[in-house]
N, C-alpha and C. Protein backbone atom coordinates (compact mmCIF):
# COMPACT_ATOMS: atom_id res chain seq x y z
N UNK A 1 1.08 -3.92 12.35
CA UNK A 1 2.36 -3.48 11.87
C UNK A 1 3.29 -3.13 13.03
N UNK A 2 2.93 -3.54 14.21
CA UNK A 2 3.77 -3.25 15.37
C UNK A 2 5.09 -3.98 15.28
N UNK A 3 5.21 -4.92 14.37
CA UNK A 3 6.44 -5.68 14.24
C UNK A 3 7.56 -4.87 13.56
N UNK A 4 7.14 -3.84 12.88
CA UNK A 4 8.12 -2.95 12.21
C UNK A 4 8.25 -1.67 13.00
N UNK A 5 9.47 -1.14 13.09
CA UNK A 5 9.66 0.14 13.77
C UNK A 5 8.89 1.27 13.06
N UNK A 6 8.42 2.21 13.82
CA UNK A 6 7.66 3.33 13.25
C UNK A 6 8.40 4.05 12.12
N UNK A 7 9.71 4.32 12.25
CA UNK A 7 10.39 4.99 11.13
C UNK A 7 10.37 4.18 9.83
N UNK A 8 10.41 2.85 9.96
CA UNK A 8 10.37 1.99 8.78
C UNK A 8 8.98 2.08 8.12
N UNK A 9 7.94 2.00 8.95
CA UNK A 9 6.57 2.10 8.43
C UNK A 9 6.34 3.48 7.78
N UNK A 10 6.78 4.52 8.45
CA UNK A 10 6.62 5.87 7.86
C UNK A 10 7.34 5.98 6.54
N UNK A 11 8.55 5.47 6.48
CA UNK A 11 9.33 5.52 5.25
C UNK A 11 8.65 4.75 4.11
N UNK A 12 8.07 3.60 4.43
CA UNK A 12 7.35 2.81 3.44
C UNK A 12 6.19 3.59 2.84
N UNK A 13 5.43 4.26 3.69
CA UNK A 13 4.28 5.00 3.18
C UNK A 13 4.70 6.27 2.44
N UNK A 14 5.80 6.86 2.83
CA UNK A 14 6.33 8.01 2.11
C UNK A 14 6.78 7.58 0.71
N UNK A 15 7.47 6.46 0.62
CA UNK A 15 7.93 5.96 -0.67
C UNK A 15 6.73 5.58 -1.55
N UNK A 16 5.74 4.90 -0.96
CA UNK A 16 4.54 4.54 -1.75
C UNK A 16 3.85 5.80 -2.27
N UNK A 17 3.77 6.82 -1.46
CA UNK A 17 3.15 8.06 -1.91
C UNK A 17 3.96 8.70 -3.04
N UNK A 18 5.27 8.74 -2.89
CA UNK A 18 6.13 9.31 -3.94
C UNK A 18 6.03 8.52 -5.24
N UNK A 19 5.93 7.20 -5.13
CA UNK A 19 5.75 6.36 -6.32
C UNK A 19 4.44 6.72 -7.01
N UNK A 20 3.36 6.84 -6.23
CA UNK A 20 2.07 7.16 -6.80
C UNK A 20 2.09 8.56 -7.44
N UNK A 21 2.73 9.51 -6.79
CA UNK A 21 2.83 10.84 -7.36
C UNK A 21 3.62 10.86 -8.64
N UNK A 22 4.66 10.04 -8.69
CA UNK A 22 5.50 9.97 -9.88
C UNK A 22 4.75 9.30 -11.05
N UNK A 23 3.90 8.31 -10.73
CA UNK A 23 3.05 7.72 -11.78
C UNK A 23 2.14 8.80 -12.33
N UNK A 24 1.55 9.60 -11.45
CA UNK A 24 0.68 10.70 -11.90
C UNK A 24 1.45 11.67 -12.78
N UNK A 25 2.62 12.03 -12.35
CA UNK A 25 3.45 12.99 -13.11
C UNK A 25 3.79 12.40 -14.48
N UNK A 26 4.10 11.11 -14.52
CA UNK A 26 4.47 10.46 -15.76
C UNK A 26 3.30 10.47 -16.75
N UNK A 27 2.13 10.06 -16.28
CA UNK A 27 0.98 10.01 -17.17
C UNK A 27 0.55 11.41 -17.60
N UNK A 28 0.69 12.39 -16.72
CA UNK A 28 0.37 13.76 -17.08
C UNK A 28 1.32 14.28 -18.15
N UNK A 29 2.60 13.94 -18.04
CA UNK A 29 3.57 14.34 -19.04
C UNK A 29 3.27 13.69 -20.38
N UNK A 30 2.91 12.43 -20.34
CA UNK A 30 2.56 11.70 -21.56
C UNK A 30 1.37 12.37 -22.23
N UNK A 31 0.36 12.73 -21.46
CA UNK A 31 -0.82 13.39 -21.99
C UNK A 31 -0.48 14.75 -22.60
N UNK A 32 0.31 15.56 -21.87
CA UNK A 32 0.68 16.88 -22.38
C UNK A 32 1.47 16.79 -23.68
N UNK A 33 2.41 15.85 -23.73
CA UNK A 33 3.22 15.68 -24.92
C UNK A 33 2.33 15.27 -26.09
N UNK A 34 1.38 14.39 -25.83
CA UNK A 34 0.49 13.97 -26.92
C UNK A 34 -0.38 15.15 -27.37
N UNK A 35 -0.89 15.92 -26.42
CA UNK A 35 -1.74 17.07 -26.77
C UNK A 35 -0.95 18.13 -27.52
N UNK A 36 0.27 18.38 -27.12
CA UNK A 36 1.05 19.47 -27.73
C UNK A 36 1.68 19.09 -29.06
N UNK A 37 2.20 17.86 -29.16
CA UNK A 37 2.98 17.48 -30.33
C UNK A 37 2.32 16.35 -31.11
N UNK A 38 1.65 15.46 -30.37
CA UNK A 38 1.06 14.29 -31.02
C UNK A 38 2.06 13.15 -31.07
N UNK A 39 1.61 12.05 -31.62
CA UNK A 39 2.45 10.87 -31.75
C UNK A 39 3.12 10.92 -33.10
N UNK A 40 4.39 11.28 -33.07
CA UNK A 40 5.16 11.42 -34.29
C UNK A 40 6.39 10.55 -34.19
N UNK A 41 7.15 10.49 -35.26
CA UNK A 41 8.39 9.72 -35.22
C UNK A 41 9.36 10.32 -34.21
N UNK A 42 9.26 11.64 -33.97
CA UNK A 42 10.13 12.32 -33.01
C UNK A 42 9.75 12.05 -31.56
N UNK A 43 8.47 11.81 -31.32
CA UNK A 43 8.00 11.60 -29.94
C UNK A 43 7.83 10.15 -29.57
N UNK A 44 7.90 9.26 -30.53
CA UNK A 44 7.65 7.85 -30.28
C UNK A 44 8.56 7.30 -29.19
N UNK A 45 9.83 7.62 -29.24
CA UNK A 45 10.77 7.09 -28.21
C UNK A 45 10.44 7.64 -26.83
N UNK A 46 10.00 8.90 -26.77
CA UNK A 46 9.60 9.48 -25.47
C UNK A 46 8.37 8.78 -24.90
N UNK A 47 7.39 8.49 -25.77
CA UNK A 47 6.21 7.78 -25.27
C UNK A 47 6.57 6.39 -24.77
N UNK A 48 7.46 5.71 -25.46
CA UNK A 48 7.88 4.39 -24.99
C UNK A 48 8.64 4.50 -23.66
N UNK A 49 9.47 5.52 -23.55
CA UNK A 49 10.22 5.72 -22.32
C UNK A 49 9.28 6.05 -21.16
N UNK A 50 8.28 6.88 -21.41
CA UNK A 50 7.32 7.23 -20.38
C UNK A 50 6.53 5.99 -19.93
N UNK A 51 6.16 5.15 -20.87
CA UNK A 51 5.45 3.94 -20.50
C UNK A 51 6.35 2.99 -19.70
N UNK A 52 7.63 2.91 -20.07
CA UNK A 52 8.56 2.09 -19.29
C UNK A 52 8.70 2.63 -17.87
N UNK A 53 8.80 3.94 -17.75
CA UNK A 53 8.92 4.56 -16.42
C UNK A 53 7.69 4.22 -15.58
N UNK A 54 6.54 4.39 -16.18
CA UNK A 54 5.28 4.09 -15.45
C UNK A 54 5.24 2.63 -15.01
N UNK A 55 5.62 1.71 -15.87
CA UNK A 55 5.61 0.30 -15.51
C UNK A 55 6.56 -0.01 -14.37
N UNK A 56 7.78 0.58 -14.40
CA UNK A 56 8.73 0.34 -13.33
C UNK A 56 8.23 0.90 -12.00
N UNK A 57 7.61 2.08 -12.05
CA UNK A 57 7.08 2.69 -10.84
C UNK A 57 5.95 1.84 -10.26
N UNK A 58 5.07 1.37 -11.12
CA UNK A 58 3.94 0.56 -10.64
C UNK A 58 4.42 -0.79 -10.10
N UNK A 59 5.43 -1.35 -10.73
CA UNK A 59 6.00 -2.61 -10.25
C UNK A 59 6.59 -2.44 -8.83
N UNK A 60 7.33 -1.34 -8.64
CA UNK A 60 7.90 -1.07 -7.32
C UNK A 60 6.80 -0.85 -6.28
N UNK A 61 5.77 -0.08 -6.67
CA UNK A 61 4.65 0.18 -5.75
C UNK A 61 3.98 -1.13 -5.35
N UNK A 62 3.66 -1.94 -6.34
CA UNK A 62 2.96 -3.18 -6.06
C UNK A 62 3.81 -4.15 -5.25
N UNK A 63 5.08 -4.18 -5.51
CA UNK A 63 5.98 -5.07 -4.72
C UNK A 63 6.04 -4.61 -3.27
N UNK A 64 6.18 -3.33 -3.03
CA UNK A 64 6.18 -2.81 -1.66
C UNK A 64 4.87 -3.12 -0.94
N UNK A 65 3.77 -2.89 -1.65
CA UNK A 65 2.45 -3.12 -1.08
C UNK A 65 2.28 -4.60 -0.67
N UNK A 66 2.62 -5.48 -1.61
CA UNK A 66 2.48 -6.91 -1.36
C UNK A 66 3.35 -7.40 -0.21
N UNK A 67 4.60 -6.96 -0.22
CA UNK A 67 5.52 -7.39 0.85
C UNK A 67 5.10 -6.84 2.20
N UNK A 68 4.63 -5.62 2.25
CA UNK A 68 4.18 -5.04 3.51
C UNK A 68 3.00 -5.84 4.04
N UNK A 69 2.08 -6.22 3.20
CA UNK A 69 0.94 -7.03 3.64
C UNK A 69 1.39 -8.40 4.14
N UNK A 70 2.36 -8.99 3.44
CA UNK A 70 2.88 -10.29 3.87
C UNK A 70 3.55 -10.19 5.25
N UNK A 71 4.27 -9.11 5.48
CA UNK A 71 4.90 -8.89 6.78
C UNK A 71 3.81 -8.76 7.85
N UNK A 72 2.77 -8.03 7.53
CA UNK A 72 1.67 -7.86 8.49
C UNK A 72 0.97 -9.18 8.81
N UNK A 73 0.92 -10.06 7.84
CA UNK A 73 0.26 -11.36 8.05
C UNK A 73 1.16 -12.38 8.75
N UNK A 74 2.44 -12.12 8.82
CA UNK A 74 3.39 -13.07 9.40
C UNK A 74 3.18 -13.12 10.93
N UNK A 75 2.91 -14.29 11.42
CA UNK A 75 2.73 -14.45 12.84
C UNK A 75 3.60 -15.57 13.35
N UNK A 76 4.19 -15.50 14.51
CA UNK A 76 4.08 -14.36 15.41
C UNK A 76 4.96 -13.19 15.00
N UNK A 77 6.00 -13.44 14.23
CA UNK A 77 6.85 -12.37 13.73
C UNK A 77 7.27 -12.71 12.30
N UNK A 78 7.58 -11.69 11.50
CA UNK A 78 8.02 -11.97 10.14
C UNK A 78 9.41 -12.61 10.15
N UNK A 79 9.64 -13.44 9.17
CA UNK A 79 10.97 -14.07 9.10
C UNK A 79 12.02 -13.05 8.66
N UNK A 80 13.25 -13.36 8.93
CA UNK A 80 14.36 -12.50 8.52
C UNK A 80 14.39 -12.35 7.00
N UNK A 81 14.10 -13.43 6.30
CA UNK A 81 14.08 -13.39 4.84
C UNK A 81 13.00 -12.43 4.34
N UNK A 82 11.83 -12.45 4.95
CA UNK A 82 10.73 -11.59 4.56
C UNK A 82 11.10 -10.13 4.80
N UNK A 83 11.71 -9.87 5.93
CA UNK A 83 12.15 -8.48 6.23
C UNK A 83 13.22 -8.04 5.25
N UNK A 84 14.13 -8.92 4.91
CA UNK A 84 15.17 -8.58 3.96
C UNK A 84 14.57 -8.26 2.61
N UNK A 85 13.59 -9.03 2.18
CA UNK A 85 12.90 -8.75 0.90
C UNK A 85 12.24 -7.36 0.94
N UNK A 86 11.61 -7.05 2.07
CA UNK A 86 10.97 -5.75 2.21
C UNK A 86 11.99 -4.62 2.15
N UNK A 87 13.08 -4.77 2.86
CA UNK A 87 14.11 -3.72 2.87
C UNK A 87 14.76 -3.59 1.49
N UNK A 88 14.94 -4.69 0.80
CA UNK A 88 15.44 -4.64 -0.57
C UNK A 88 14.47 -3.90 -1.50
N UNK A 89 13.19 -4.18 -1.30
CA UNK A 89 12.16 -3.53 -2.13
C UNK A 89 12.16 -2.02 -1.90
N UNK A 90 12.42 -1.62 -0.68
CA UNK A 90 12.50 -0.18 -0.36
C UNK A 90 13.68 0.45 -1.10
N UNK A 91 14.82 -0.23 -1.09
CA UNK A 91 15.99 0.29 -1.80
C UNK A 91 15.76 0.37 -3.30
N UNK A 92 15.16 -0.68 -3.87
CA UNK A 92 14.88 -0.69 -5.30
C UNK A 92 13.87 0.43 -5.65
N UNK A 93 12.85 0.58 -4.82
CA UNK A 93 11.84 1.61 -5.08
C UNK A 93 12.48 3.00 -5.02
N UNK A 94 13.35 3.24 -4.09
CA UNK A 94 14.02 4.53 -4.00
C UNK A 94 14.89 4.79 -5.23
N UNK A 95 15.61 3.79 -5.68
CA UNK A 95 16.43 3.92 -6.88
C UNK A 95 15.56 4.12 -8.11
N UNK A 96 14.45 3.42 -8.17
CA UNK A 96 13.49 3.59 -9.27
C UNK A 96 12.94 5.00 -9.32
N UNK A 97 12.61 5.52 -8.16
CA UNK A 97 12.12 6.91 -8.07
C UNK A 97 13.16 7.91 -8.60
N UNK A 98 14.39 7.75 -8.12
CA UNK A 98 15.45 8.66 -8.54
C UNK A 98 15.65 8.61 -10.06
N UNK A 99 15.70 7.40 -10.62
CA UNK A 99 15.91 7.25 -12.05
C UNK A 99 14.71 7.78 -12.83
N UNK A 100 13.52 7.57 -12.33
CA UNK A 100 12.30 8.02 -13.01
C UNK A 100 12.24 9.56 -13.04
N UNK A 101 12.54 10.17 -11.92
CA UNK A 101 12.51 11.64 -11.86
C UNK A 101 13.56 12.21 -12.84
N UNK A 102 14.72 11.60 -12.90
CA UNK A 102 15.75 12.07 -13.84
C UNK A 102 15.28 11.92 -15.28
N UNK A 103 14.63 10.82 -15.60
CA UNK A 103 14.11 10.62 -16.95
C UNK A 103 13.04 11.64 -17.29
N UNK A 104 12.12 11.87 -16.36
CA UNK A 104 11.08 12.87 -16.59
C UNK A 104 11.67 14.26 -16.80
N UNK A 105 12.65 14.61 -16.00
CA UNK A 105 13.29 15.94 -16.17
C UNK A 105 13.95 16.04 -17.54
N UNK A 106 14.60 14.98 -17.99
CA UNK A 106 15.26 15.01 -19.28
C UNK A 106 14.24 15.14 -20.41
N UNK A 107 13.15 14.42 -20.35
CA UNK A 107 12.13 14.53 -21.40
C UNK A 107 11.52 15.93 -21.38
N UNK A 108 11.28 16.44 -20.19
CA UNK A 108 10.70 17.78 -20.07
C UNK A 108 11.65 18.83 -20.68
N UNK A 109 12.94 18.71 -20.41
CA UNK A 109 13.94 19.64 -20.98
C UNK A 109 13.94 19.55 -22.51
N UNK A 110 13.84 18.34 -23.02
CA UNK A 110 13.89 18.15 -24.47
C UNK A 110 12.70 18.73 -25.19
N UNK A 111 11.54 18.80 -24.52
CA UNK A 111 10.35 19.25 -25.22
C UNK A 111 9.80 20.60 -24.74
N UNK A 112 10.57 21.30 -23.94
CA UNK A 112 10.16 22.66 -23.53
C UNK A 112 11.06 23.65 -24.15
């Protein structure tokens, strides 16, 4: 990974960790909601939204992971296109995190 600057590598791993933590938070919220209220007509949309959030988070995580490995495998250096894809994935993952956290906060407010 010497091909990428240290701040970029650190940022990638920070984002991957935040994505993983947000997946955990999402599934924990889904479990708590199910335990407290159950699956009812009132909670059905929240369960669907939580599953959508989880899928988007996992998609971002997997995309970052795959692209980072591809960059590491690129010899002698990664192409500009590959780096652009990686940087785009970082931006998308950050936006996904922000939107996911907002959705989780909204659901939590609605059911507390």
